[in-house]
Amino acid sequence: MTKLAITLDRGEDWTVEEFREYYREEHAPLAADLPGLERYTVSFPADPESASYDALAELYFPDDETMAAAFDSERGREVTADAETFADMDAAERVVLDEEVVVD
């Protein structure tokens, strides 16, 4: 299992509420259709004023190749372009992880 974790900061002109609503209503359904995606979660800080980011997205794929192909696809390009409309992608932190479940 390969996991891509991305922290997102809202765009300059977006309120916390607008960012979260757009993410939930527009971006998440678009990203949920990435080919090969097996699991997708998003977490929002409970205290947004003291947090260092506005959202943490975690996207799970069976392997690195499937993840790369997903973002190289037409849907992947749409997801990336959409993220640039509401998030500061220059500030986004990305990390690819091999997840190990300790407690399930």
PDB file of N, CA and C in Angstrom:
ATOM      1  N   MET A   1       0.855  -1.180   0.000  1.00  0.00           N
ATOM      2  CA  MET A   1       0.000   0.000   0.000  1.00  0.00           C
ATOM      3  C   MET A   1       0.898   1.240   0.000  1.00  0.00           C
ATOM      4  N   THR A   2       0.596   2.161  -0.888  1.00  0.00           N
ATOM      5  CA  THR A   2       1.297   3.439  -0.965  1.00  0.00           C
ATOM      6  C   THR A   2       0.322   4.547  -0.603  1.00  0.00           C
ATOM      7  N   LYS A   3       0.749   5.439   0.257  1.00  0.00           N
ATOM      8  CA  LYS A   3      -0.103   6.554   0.667  1.00  0.00           C
ATOM      9  C   LYS A   3       0.575   7.864   0.308  1.00  0.00           C
ATOM     10  N   LEU A   4      -0.194   8.757  -0.302  1.00  0.00           N
ATOM     11  CA  LEU A   4       0.253  10.120  -0.561  1.00  0.00           C
ATOM     12  C   LEU A   4      -0.443  11.013   0.450  1.00  0.00           C
ATOM     13  N   ALA A   5       0.336  11.699   1.271  1.00  0.00           N
ATOM     14  CA  ALA A   5      -0.209  12.645   2.236  1.00  0.00           C
ATOM     15  C   ALA A   5       0.140  14.050   1.759  1.00  0.00           C
ATOM     16  N   ILE A   6      -0.855  14.924   1.745  1.00  0.00           N
ATOM     17  CA  ILE A   6      -0.667  16.293   1.270  1.00  0.00           C
ATOM     18  C   ILE A   6      -1.297  17.249   2.273  1.00  0.00           C
ATOM     19  N   THR A   7      -0.516  18.232   2.716  1.00  0.00           N
ATOM     20  CA  THR A   7      -1.094  19.306   3.517  1.00  0.00           C
ATOM     21  C   THR A   7      -1.431  20.448   2.572  1.00  0.00           C
ATOM     22  N   LEU A   8      -2.576  21.059   2.806  1.00  0.00           N
ATOM     23  CA  LEU A   8      -3.035  22.149   1.947  1.00  0.00           C
ATOM     24  C   LEU A   8      -3.340  23.390   2.773  1.00  0.00           C
ATOM     25  N   ASP A   9      -2.955  24.522   2.231  1.00  0.00           N
ATOM     26  CA  ASP A   9      -3.324  25.825   2.786  1.00  0.00           C
ATOM     27  C   ASP A   9      -4.316  26.462   1.836  1.00  0.00           C
ATOM     28  N   ARG A  10      -5.316  27.117   2.391  1.00  0.00           N
ATOM     29  CA  ARG A  10      -6.311  27.757   1.539  1.00  0.00           C
ATOM     30  C   ARG A  10      -5.685  28.920   0.763  1.00  0.00           C
ATOM     31  N   GLY A  11      -6.284  29.213  -0.367  1.00  0.00           N
ATOM     32  CA  GLY A  11      -5.842  30.344  -1.165  1.00  0.00           C
ATOM     33  C   GLY A  11      -6.050  31.652  -0.427  1.00  0.00           C
ATOM     34  N   GLU A  12      -5.363  32.648  -0.861  1.00  0.00           N
ATOM     35  CA  GLU A  12      -5.332  33.951  -0.196  1.00  0.00           C
ATOM     36  C   GLU A  12      -6.711  34.559   0.046  1.00  0.00           C
ATOM     37  N   ASP A  13      -7.639  34.388  -0.888  1.00  0.00           N
ATOM     38  CA  ASP A  13      -8.946  35.037  -0.794  1.00  0.00           C
ATOM     39  C   ASP A  13     -10.048  34.131  -0.238  1.00  0.00           C
ATOM     40  N   TRP A  14      -9.670  32.985   0.331  1.00  0.00           N
ATOM     41  CA  TRP A  14     -10.647  32.018   0.809  1.00  0.00           C
ATOM     42  C   TRP A  14     -10.734  32.039   2.337  1.00  0.00           C
ATOM     43  N   THR A  15     -11.967  32.029   2.855  1.00  0.00           N
ATOM     44  CA  THR A  15     -12.149  31.871   4.295  1.00  0.00           C
ATOM     45  C   THR A  15     -12.034  30.379   4.629  1.00  0.00           C
ATOM     46  N   VAL A  16     -11.903  30.085   5.904  1.00  0.00           N
ATOM     47  CA  VAL A  16     -11.855  28.684   6.340  1.00  0.00           C
ATOM     48  C   VAL A  16     -13.123  27.959   5.888  1.00  0.00           C
ATOM     49  N   GLU A  17     -14.276  28.586   6.082  1.00  0.00           N
ATOM     50  CA  GLU A  17     -15.543  27.957   5.733  1.00  0.00           C
ATOM     51  C   GLU A  17     -15.661  27.735   4.228  1.00  0.00           C
ATOM     52  N   GLU A  18     -15.279  28.720   3.427  1.00  0.00           N
ATOM     53  CA  GLU A  18     -15.341  28.577   1.968  1.00  0.00           C
ATOM     54  C   GLU A  18     -14.412  27.459   1.489  1.00  0.00           C
ATOM     55  N   PHE A  19     -13.212  27.425   2.045  1.00  0.00           N
ATOM     56  CA  PHE A  19     -12.235  26.401   1.685  1.00  0.00           C
ATOM     57  C   PHE A  19     -12.780  25.007   1.974  1.00  0.00           C
ATOM     58  N   ARG A  20     -13.297  24.823   3.175  1.00  0.00           N
ATOM     59  CA  ARG A  20     -13.814  23.505   3.561  1.00  0.00           C
ATOM     60  C   ARG A  20     -15.018  23.106   2.717  1.00  0.00           C
ATOM     61  N   GLU A  21     -15.913  24.025   2.471  1.00  0.00           N
ATOM     62  CA  GLU A  21     -17.095  23.715   1.661  1.00  0.00           C
ATOM     63  C   GLU A  21     -16.686  23.338   0.236  1.00  0.00           C
ATOM     64  N   TYR A  22     -15.788  24.109  -0.361  1.00  0.00           N
ATOM     65  CA  TYR A  22     -15.350  23.800  -1.720  1.00  0.00           C
ATOM     66  C   TYR A  22     -14.649  22.447  -1.742  1.00  0.00           C
ATOM     67  N   TYR A  23     -13.798  22.215  -0.763  1.00  0.00           N
ATOM     68  CA  TYR A  23     -13.093  20.943  -0.722  1.00  0.00           C
ATOM     69  C   TYR A  23     -14.092  19.788  -0.690  1.00  0.00           C
ATOM     70  N   ARG A  24     -15.040  19.851   0.233  1.00  0.00           N
ATOM     71  CA  ARG A  24     -15.993  18.758   0.409  1.00  0.00           C
ATOM     72  C   ARG A  24     -16.922  18.584  -0.796  1.00  0.00           C
ATOM     73  N   GLU A  25     -17.435  19.698  -1.319  1.00  0.00           N
ATOM     74  CA  GLU A  25     -18.469  19.637  -2.349  1.00  0.00           C
ATOM     75  C   GLU A  25     -17.924  19.505  -3.773  1.00  0.00           C
ATOM     76  N   GLU A  26     -16.754  20.050  -4.037  1.00  0.00           N
ATOM     77  CA  GLU A  26     -16.227  20.074  -5.405  1.00  0.00           C
ATOM     78  C   GLU A  26     -14.965  19.227  -5.577  1.00  0.00           C
ATOM     79  N   HIS A  27     -13.960  19.491  -4.753  1.00  0.00           N
ATOM     80  CA  HIS A  27     -12.668  18.849  -4.975  1.00  0.00           C
ATOM     81  C   HIS A  27     -12.666  17.367  -4.588  1.00  0.00           C
ATOM     82  N   ALA A  28     -13.190  17.043  -3.431  1.00  0.00           N
ATOM     83  CA  ALA A  28     -13.160  15.651  -2.971  1.00  0.00           C
ATOM     84  C   ALA A  28     -13.855  14.703  -3.953  1.00  0.00           C
ATOM     85  N   PRO A  29     -15.045  15.031  -4.461  1.00  0.00           N
ATOM     86  CA  PRO A  29     -15.660  14.119  -5.425  1.00  0.00           C
ATOM     87  C   PRO A  29     -14.824  13.957  -6.705  1.00  0.00           C
ATOM     88  N   LEU A  30     -14.167  15.007  -7.125  1.00  0.00           N
ATOM     89  CA  LEU A  30     -13.297  14.926  -8.300  1.00  0.00           C
ATOM     90  C   LEU A  30     -12.113  13.995  -8.029  1.00  0.00           C
ATOM     91  N   ALA A  31     -11.446  14.192  -6.893  1.00  0.00           N
ATOM     92  CA  ALA A  31     -10.283  13.374  -6.539  1.00  0.00           C
ATOM     93  C   ALA A  31     -10.682  11.930  -6.259  1.00  0.00           C
ATOM     94  N   ALA A  32     -11.886  11.715  -5.771  1.00  0.00           N
ATOM     95  CA  ALA A  32     -12.343  10.360  -5.462  1.00  0.00           C
ATOM     96  C   ALA A  32     -12.404   9.477  -6.708  1.00  0.00           C
ATOM     97  N   ASP A  33     -12.423  10.088  -7.884  1.00  0.00           N
ATOM     98  CA  ASP A  33     -12.483   9.337  -9.140  1.00  0.00           C
ATOM     99  C   ASP A  33     -11.113   9.070  -9.755  1.00  0.00           C
ATOM    100  N   LEU A  34     -10.035   9.326  -9.015  1.00  0.00           N
ATOM    101  CA  LEU A  34      -8.707   9.016  -9.551  1.00  0.00           C
ATOM    102  C   LEU A  34      -8.616   7.510  -9.822  1.00  0.00           C
ATOM    103  N   PRO A  35      -8.116   7.127 -10.986  1.00  0.00           N
ATOM    104  CA  PRO A  35      -8.017   5.693 -11.273  1.00  0.00           C
ATOM    105  C   PRO A  35      -7.068   4.987 -10.314  1.00  0.00           C
ATOM    106  N   GLY A  36      -7.515   3.848  -9.805  1.00  0.00           N
ATOM    107  CA  GLY A  36      -6.690   3.042  -8.913  1.00  0.00           C
ATOM    108  C   GLY A  36      -6.736   3.453  -7.454  1.00  0.00           C
ATOM    109  N   LEU A  37      -7.415   4.542  -7.142  1.00  0.00           N
ATOM    110  CA  LEU A  37      -7.502   5.011  -5.757  1.00  0.00           C
ATOM    111  C   LEU A  37      -8.297   4.011  -4.927  1.00  0.00           C
ATOM    112  N   GLU A  38      -7.733   3.590  -3.795  1.00  0.00           N
ATOM    113  CA  GLU A  38      -8.395   2.594  -2.947  1.00  0.00           C
ATOM    114  C   GLU A  38      -9.011   3.183  -1.683  1.00  0.00           C
ATOM    115  N   ARG A  39      -8.468   4.282  -1.218  1.00  0.00           N
ATOM    116  CA  ARG A  39      -8.984   4.930  -0.008  1.00  0.00           C
ATOM    117  C   ARG A  39      -8.582   6.393  -0.064  1.00  0.00           C
ATOM    118  N   TYR A  40      -9.438   7.257   0.481  1.00  0.00           N
ATOM    119  CA  TYR A  40      -9.169   8.695   0.418  1.00  0.00           C
ATOM    120  C   TYR A  40      -9.795   9.340   1.648  1.00  0.00           C
ATOM    121  N   THR A  41      -8.986  10.019   2.434  1.00  0.00           N
ATOM    122  CA  THR A  41      -9.504  10.730   3.596  1.00  0.00           C
ATOM    123  C   THR A  41      -9.022  12.172   3.556  1.00  0.00           C
ATOM    124  N   VAL A  42      -9.776  13.028   4.198  1.00  0.00           N
ATOM    125  CA  VAL A  42      -9.338  14.406   4.395  1.00  0.00           C
ATOM    126  C   VAL A  42      -9.651  14.764   5.841  1.00  0.00           C
ATOM    127  N   SER A  43      -8.706  15.454   6.478  1.00  0.00           N
ATOM    128  CA  SER A  43      -8.874  15.898   7.859  1.00  0.00           C
ATOM    129  C   SER A  43      -8.698  17.404   7.893  1.00  0.00           C
ATOM    130  N   PHE A  44      -9.556  18.055   8.683  1.00  0.00           N
ATOM    131  CA  PHE A  44      -9.473  19.500   8.866  1.00  0.00           C
ATOM    132  C   PHE A  44      -9.130  19.791  10.324  1.00  0.00           C
ATOM    133  N   PRO A  45      -8.257  20.736  10.584  1.00  0.00           N
ATOM    134  CA  PRO A  45      -7.885  21.044  11.967  1.00  0.00           C
ATOM    135  C   PRO A  45      -9.092  21.444  12.815  1.00  0.00           C
ATOM    136  N   ALA A  46      -9.140  20.927  14.031  1.00  0.00           N
ATOM    137  CA  ALA A  46     -10.207  21.281  14.964  1.00  0.00           C
ATOM    138  C   ALA A  46     -10.102  22.749  15.370  1.00  0.00           C
ATOM    139  N   ASP A  47      -8.890  23.272  15.425  1.00  0.00           N
ATOM    140  CA  ASP A  47      -8.652  24.679  15.760  1.00  0.00           C
ATOM    141  C   ASP A  47      -7.878  25.319  14.600  1.00  0.00           C
ATOM    142  N   PRO A  48      -8.593  25.756  13.556  1.00  0.00           N
ATOM    143  CA  PRO A  48      -7.912  26.240  12.359  1.00  0.00           C
ATOM    144  C   PRO A  48      -7.023  27.456  12.585  1.00  0.00           C
ATOM    145  N   GLU A  49      -7.311  28.247  13.594  1.00  0.00           N
ATOM    146  CA  GLU A  49      -6.512  29.456  13.831  1.00  0.00           C
ATOM    147  C   GLU A  49      -5.105  29.143  14.322  1.00  0.00           C
ATOM    148  N   SER A  50      -4.927  27.993  14.971  1.00  0.00           N
ATOM    149  CA  SER A  50      -3.599  27.659  15.491  1.00  0.00           C
ATOM    150  C   SER A  50      -2.890  26.584  14.661  1.00  0.00           C
ATOM    151  N   ALA A  51      -3.532  26.124  13.600  1.00  0.00           N
ATOM    152  CA  ALA A  51      -2.957  25.043  12.787  1.00  0.00           C
ATOM    153  C   ALA A  51      -1.988  25.590  11.744  1.00  0.00           C
ATOM    154  N   SER A  52      -1.050  24.756  11.343  1.00  0.00           N
ATOM    155  CA  SER A  52      -0.072  25.166  10.331  1.00  0.00           C
ATOM    156  C   SER A  52      -0.544  24.866   8.912  1.00  0.00           C
ATOM    157  N   TYR A  53      -1.713  24.237   8.757  1.00  0.00           N
ATOM    158  CA  TYR A  53      -2.296  23.984   7.444  1.00  0.00           C
ATOM    159  C   TYR A  53      -3.813  23.906   7.596  1.00  0.00           C
ATOM    160  N   ASP A  54      -4.526  23.940   6.462  1.00  0.00           N
ATOM    161  CA  ASP A  54      -5.989  23.948   6.472  1.00  0.00           C
ATOM    162  C   ASP A  54      -6.624  22.592   6.208  1.00  0.00           C
ATOM    163  N   ALA A  55      -5.861  21.667   5.632  1.00  0.00           N
ATOM    164  CA  ALA A  55      -6.385  20.315   5.376  1.00  0.00           C
ATOM    165  C   ALA A  55      -5.229  19.349   5.209  1.00  0.00           C
ATOM    166  N   LEU A  56      -5.490  18.112   5.574  1.00  0.00           N
ATOM    167  CA  LEU A  56      -4.551  17.022   5.334  1.00  0.00           C
ATOM    168  C   LEU A  56      -5.304  15.958   4.544  1.00  0.00           C
ATOM    169  N   ALA A  57      -4.875  15.738   3.306  1.00  0.00           N
ATOM    170  CA  ALA A  57      -5.480  14.712   2.459  1.00  0.00           C
ATOM    171  C   ALA A  57      -4.572  13.490   2.436  1.00  0.00           C
ATOM    172  N   GLU A  58      -5.185  12.315   2.496  1.00  0.00           N
ATOM    173  CA  GLU A  58      -4.433  11.060   2.426  1.00  0.00           C
ATOM    174  C   GLU A  58      -5.083  10.191   1.352  1.00  0.00           C
ATOM    175  N   LEU A  59      -4.290   9.876   0.339  1.00  0.00           N
ATOM    176  CA  LEU A  59      -4.777   9.093  -0.788  1.00  0.00           C
ATOM    177  C   LEU A  59      -3.996   7.787  -0.850  1.00  0.00           C
ATOM    178  N   TYR A  60      -4.713   6.673  -0.874  1.00  0.00           N
ATOM    179  CA  TYR A  60      -4.100   5.347  -0.818  1.00  0.00           C
ATOM    180  C   TYR A  60      -4.204   4.645  -2.178  1.00  0.00           C
ATOM    181  N   PHE A  61      -3.097   4.096  -2.610  1.00  0.00           N
ATOM    182  CA  PHE A  61      -3.016   3.352  -3.864  1.00  0.00           C
ATOM    183  C   PHE A  61      -2.336   2.009  -3.592  1.00  0.00           C
ATOM    184  N   PRO A  62      -2.546   1.008  -4.448  1.00  0.00           N
ATOM    185  CA  PRO A  62      -1.913  -0.287  -4.204  1.00  0.00           C
ATOM    186  C   PRO A  62      -0.389  -0.240  -4.318  1.00  0.00           C
ATOM    187  N   ASP A  63       0.133   0.689  -5.149  1.00  0.00           N
ATOM    188  CA  ASP A  63       1.584   0.766  -5.322  1.00  0.00           C
ATOM    189  C   ASP A  63       1.957   2.110  -5.969  1.00  0.00           C
ATOM    190  N   ASP A  64       3.257   2.370  -6.024  1.00  0.00           N
ATOM    191  CA  ASP A  64       3.749   3.636  -6.574  1.00  0.00           C
ATOM    192  C   ASP A  64       3.368   3.822  -8.041  1.00  0.00           C
ATOM    193  N   GLU A  65       3.409   2.745  -8.808  1.00  0.00           N
ATOM    194  CA  GLU A  65       3.112   2.834 -10.233  1.00  0.00           C
ATOM    195  C   GLU A  65       1.665   3.251 -10.475  1.00  0.00           C
ATOM    196  N   THR A  66       0.748   2.680  -9.708  1.00  0.00           N
ATOM    197  CA  THR A  66      -0.665   3.024  -9.838  1.00  0.00           C
ATOM    198  C   THR A  66      -0.887   4.481  -9.463  1.00  0.00           C
ATOM    199  N   MET A  67      -0.210   4.940  -8.407  1.00  0.00           N
ATOM    200  CA  MET A  67      -0.334   6.338  -7.993  1.00  0.00           C
ATOM    201  C   MET A  67       0.178   7.267  -9.098  1.00  0.00           C
ATOM    202  N   ALA A  68       1.335   6.970  -9.651  1.00  0.00           N
ATOM    203  CA  ALA A  68       1.901   7.804 -10.711  1.00  0.00           C
ATOM    204  C   ALA A  68       0.973   7.843 -11.914  1.00  0.00           C
ATOM    205  N   ALA A  69       0.427   6.694 -12.290  1.00  0.00           N
ATOM    206  CA  ALA A  69      -0.486   6.634 -13.436  1.00  0.00           C
ATOM    207  C   ALA A  69      -1.755   7.433 -13.165  1.00  0.00           C
ATOM    208  N   ALA A  70      -2.240   7.409 -11.921  1.00  0.00           N
ATOM    209  CA  ALA A  70      -3.449   8.158 -11.570  1.00  0.00           C
ATOM    210  C   ALA A  70      -3.248   9.647 -11.805  1.00  0.00           C
ATOM    211  N   PHE A  71      -2.118  10.178 -11.379  1.00  0.00           N
ATOM    212  CA  PHE A  71      -1.888  11.610 -11.534  1.00  0.00           C
ATOM    213  C   PHE A  71      -1.452  11.989 -12.944  1.00  0.00           C
ATOM    214  N   ASP A  72      -1.012  11.015 -13.736  1.00  0.00           N
ATOM    215  CA  ASP A  72      -0.686  11.253 -15.143  1.00  0.00           C
ATOM    216  C   ASP A  72      -1.916  11.168 -16.035  1.00  0.00           C
ATOM    217  N   SER A  73      -3.020  10.680 -15.486  1.00  0.00           N
ATOM    218  CA  SER A  73      -4.255  10.513 -16.260  1.00  0.00           C
ATOM    219  C   SER A  73      -4.956  11.859 -16.447  1.00  0.00           C
ATOM    220  N   GLU A  74      -5.957  11.862 -17.327  1.00  0.00           N
ATOM    221  CA  GLU A  74      -6.753  13.074 -17.535  1.00  0.00           C
ATOM    222  C   GLU A  74      -7.399  13.518 -16.218  1.00  0.00           C
ATOM    223  N   ARG A  75      -7.954  12.564 -15.453  1.00  0.00           N
ATOM    224  CA  ARG A  75      -8.575  12.904 -14.162  1.00  0.00           C
ATOM    225  C   ARG A  75      -7.531  13.472 -13.205  1.00  0.00           C
ATOM    226  N   GLY A  76      -6.339  12.902 -13.204  1.00  0.00           N
ATOM    227  CA  GLY A  76      -5.277  13.409 -12.343  1.00  0.00           C
ATOM    228  C   GLY A  76      -4.910  14.842 -12.668  1.00  0.00           C
ATOM    229  N   ARG A  77      -4.861  15.165 -13.950  1.00  0.00           N
ATOM    230  CA  ARG A  77      -4.566  16.550 -14.348  1.00  0.00           C
ATOM    231  C   ARG A  77      -5.699  17.489 -13.937  1.00  0.00           C
ATOM    232  N   GLU A  78      -6.950  17.007 -14.007  1.00  0.00           N
ATOM    233  CA  GLU A  78      -8.098  17.806 -13.565  1.00  0.00           C
ATOM    234  C   GLU A  78      -8.031  18.067 -12.062  1.00  0.00           C
ATOM    235  N   VAL A  79      -7.679  17.046 -11.297  1.00  0.00           N
ATOM    236  CA  VAL A  79      -7.582  17.181  -9.837  1.00  0.00           C
ATOM    237  C   VAL A  79      -6.505  18.200  -9.478  1.00  0.00           C
ATOM    238  N   THR A  80      -5.353  18.099 -10.126  1.00  0.00           N
ATOM    239  CA  THR A  80      -4.256  19.022  -9.865  1.00  0.00           C
ATOM    240  C   THR A  80      -4.648  20.451 -10.226  1.00  0.00           C
ATOM    241  N   ALA A  81      -5.267  20.632 -11.380  1.00  0.00           N
ATOM    242  CA  ALA A  81      -5.689  21.974 -11.804  1.00  0.00           C
ATOM    243  C   ALA A  81      -6.734  22.529 -10.849  1.00  0.00           C
ATOM    244  N   ASP A  82      -7.664  21.692 -10.407  1.00  0.00           N
ATOM    245  CA  ASP A  82      -8.693  22.158  -9.482  1.00  0.00           C
ATOM    246  C   ASP A  82      -8.081  22.586  -8.155  1.00  0.00           C
ATOM    247  N   ALA A  83      -7.125  21.831  -7.649  1.00  0.00           N
ATOM    248  CA  ALA A  83      -6.489  22.181  -6.376  1.00  0.00           C
ATOM    249  C   ALA A  83      -5.865  23.575  -6.457  1.00  0.00           C
ATOM    250  N   GLU A  84      -5.337  23.917  -7.599  1.00  0.00           N
ATOM    251  CA  GLU A  84      -4.703  25.228  -7.763  1.00  0.00           C
ATOM    252  C   GLU A  84      -5.703  26.375  -7.708  1.00  0.00           C
ATOM    253  N   THR A  85      -7.002  26.087  -7.858  1.00  0.00           N
ATOM    254  CA  THR A  85      -8.009  27.153  -7.825  1.00  0.00           C
ATOM    255  C   THR A  85      -8.371  27.588  -6.405  1.00  0.00           C
ATOM    256  N   PHE A  86      -8.180  26.711  -5.413  1.00  0.00           N
ATOM    257  CA  PHE A  86      -8.613  27.054  -4.053  1.00  0.00           C
ATOM    258  C   PHE A  86      -7.526  26.901  -2.989  1.00  0.00           C
ATOM    259  N   ALA A  87      -6.398  26.307  -3.364  1.00  0.00           N
ATOM    260  CA  ALA A  87      -5.327  26.070  -2.404  1.00  0.00           C
ATOM    261  C   ALA A  87      -4.021  26.686  -2.901  1.00  0.00           C
ATOM    262  N   ASP A  88      -3.166  27.043  -1.964  1.00  0.00           N
ATOM    263  CA  ASP A  88      -1.832  27.567  -2.286  1.00  0.00           C
ATOM    264  C   ASP A  88      -0.918  26.366  -2.489  1.00  0.00           C
ATOM    265  N   MET A  89      -0.816  25.914  -3.725  1.00  0.00           N
ATOM    266  CA  MET A  89      -0.066  24.692  -4.006  1.00  0.00           C
ATOM    267  C   MET A  89       1.443  24.885  -3.848  1.00  0.00           C
ATOM    268  N   ASP A  90       1.920  26.116  -3.863  1.00  0.00           N
ATOM    269  CA  ASP A  90       3.339  26.347  -3.592  1.00  0.00           C
ATOM    270  C   ASP A  90       3.680  26.037  -2.136  1.00  0.00           C
ATOM    271  N   ALA A  91       2.695  26.153  -1.260  1.00  0.00           N
ATOM    272  CA  ALA A  91       2.904  25.892   0.161  1.00  0.00           C
ATOM    273  C   ALA A  91       2.589  24.440   0.537  1.00  0.00           C
ATOM    274  N   ALA A  92       2.019  23.682  -0.392  1.00  0.00           N
ATOM    275  CA  ALA A  92       1.625  22.294  -0.094  1.00  0.00           C
ATOM    276  C   ALA A  92       2.850  21.442   0.208  1.00  0.00           C
ATOM    277  N   GLU A  93       2.709  20.606   1.205  1.00  0.00           N
ATOM    278  CA  GLU A  93       3.744  19.627   1.556  1.00  0.00           C
ATOM    279  C   GLU A  93       3.238  18.267   1.125  1.00  0.00           C
ATOM    280  N   ARG A  94       4.062  17.532   0.403  1.00  0.00           N
ATOM    281  CA  ARG A  94       3.684  16.197  -0.076  1.00  0.00           C
ATOM    282  C   ARG A  94       4.703  15.175   0.396  1.00  0.00           C
ATOM    283  N   VAL A  95       4.205  14.016   0.777  1.00  0.00           N
ATOM    284  CA  VAL A  95       5.100  12.914   1.135  1.00  0.00           C
ATOM    285  C   VAL A  95       4.421  11.601   0.751  1.00  0.00           C
ATOM    286  N   VAL A  96       5.200  10.720   0.135  1.00  0.00           N
ATOM    287  CA  VAL A  96       4.716   9.379  -0.194  1.00  0.00           C
ATOM    288  C   VAL A  96       5.193   8.456   0.915  1.00  0.00           C
ATOM    289  N   LEU A  97       4.250   7.693   1.471  1.00  0.00           N
ATOM    290  CA  LEU A  97       4.524   6.883   2.651  1.00  0.00           C
ATOM    291  C   LEU A  97       4.187   5.420   2.415  1.00  0.00           C
ATOM    292  N   ASP A  98       4.917   4.544   3.068  1.00  0.00           N
ATOM    293  CA  ASP A  98       4.542   3.139   3.177  1.00  0.00           C
ATOM    294  C   ASP A  98       3.913   3.003   4.559  1.00  0.00           C
ATOM    295  N   GLU A  99       2.614   2.839   4.596  1.00  0.00           N
ATOM    296  CA  GLU A  99       1.886   2.808   5.862  1.00  0.00           C
ATOM    297  C   GLU A  99       1.938   1.429   6.487  1.00  0.00           C
ATOM    298  N   GLU A 100       2.153   1.388   7.805  1.00  0.00           N
ATOM    299  CA  GLU A 100       2.104   0.160   8.586  1.00  0.00           C
ATOM    300  C   GLU A 100       1.073   0.352   9.678  1.00  0.00           C
ATOM    301  N   VAL A 101       0.052  -0.475   9.700  1.00  0.00           N
ATOM    302  CA  VAL A 101      -1.004  -0.375  10.691  1.00  0.00           C
ATOM    303  C   VAL A 101      -0.518  -0.997  11.992  1.00  0.00           C
ATOM    304  N   VAL A 102      -0.595  -0.259  13.071  1.00  0.00           N
ATOM    305  CA  VAL A 102      -0.184  -0.750  14.385  1.00  0.00           C
ATOM    306  C   VAL A 102      -1.410  -1.223  15.157  1.00  0.00           C
ATOM    307  N   VAL A 103      -2.485  -0.446  15.130  1.00  0.00           N
ATOM    308  CA  VAL A 103      -3.733  -0.812  15.774  1.00  0.00           C
ATOM    309  C   VAL A 103      -4.833  -0.587  14.741  1.00  0.00           C
ATOM    310  N   ASP A 104      -5.698  -1.567  14.581  1.00  0.00           N
ATOM    311  CA  ASP A 104      -6.784  -1.422  13.599  1.00  0.00           C
ATOM    312  C   ASP A 104      -8.100  -1.708  14.268  1.00  0.00           C
TER     313      ASP A 104
END
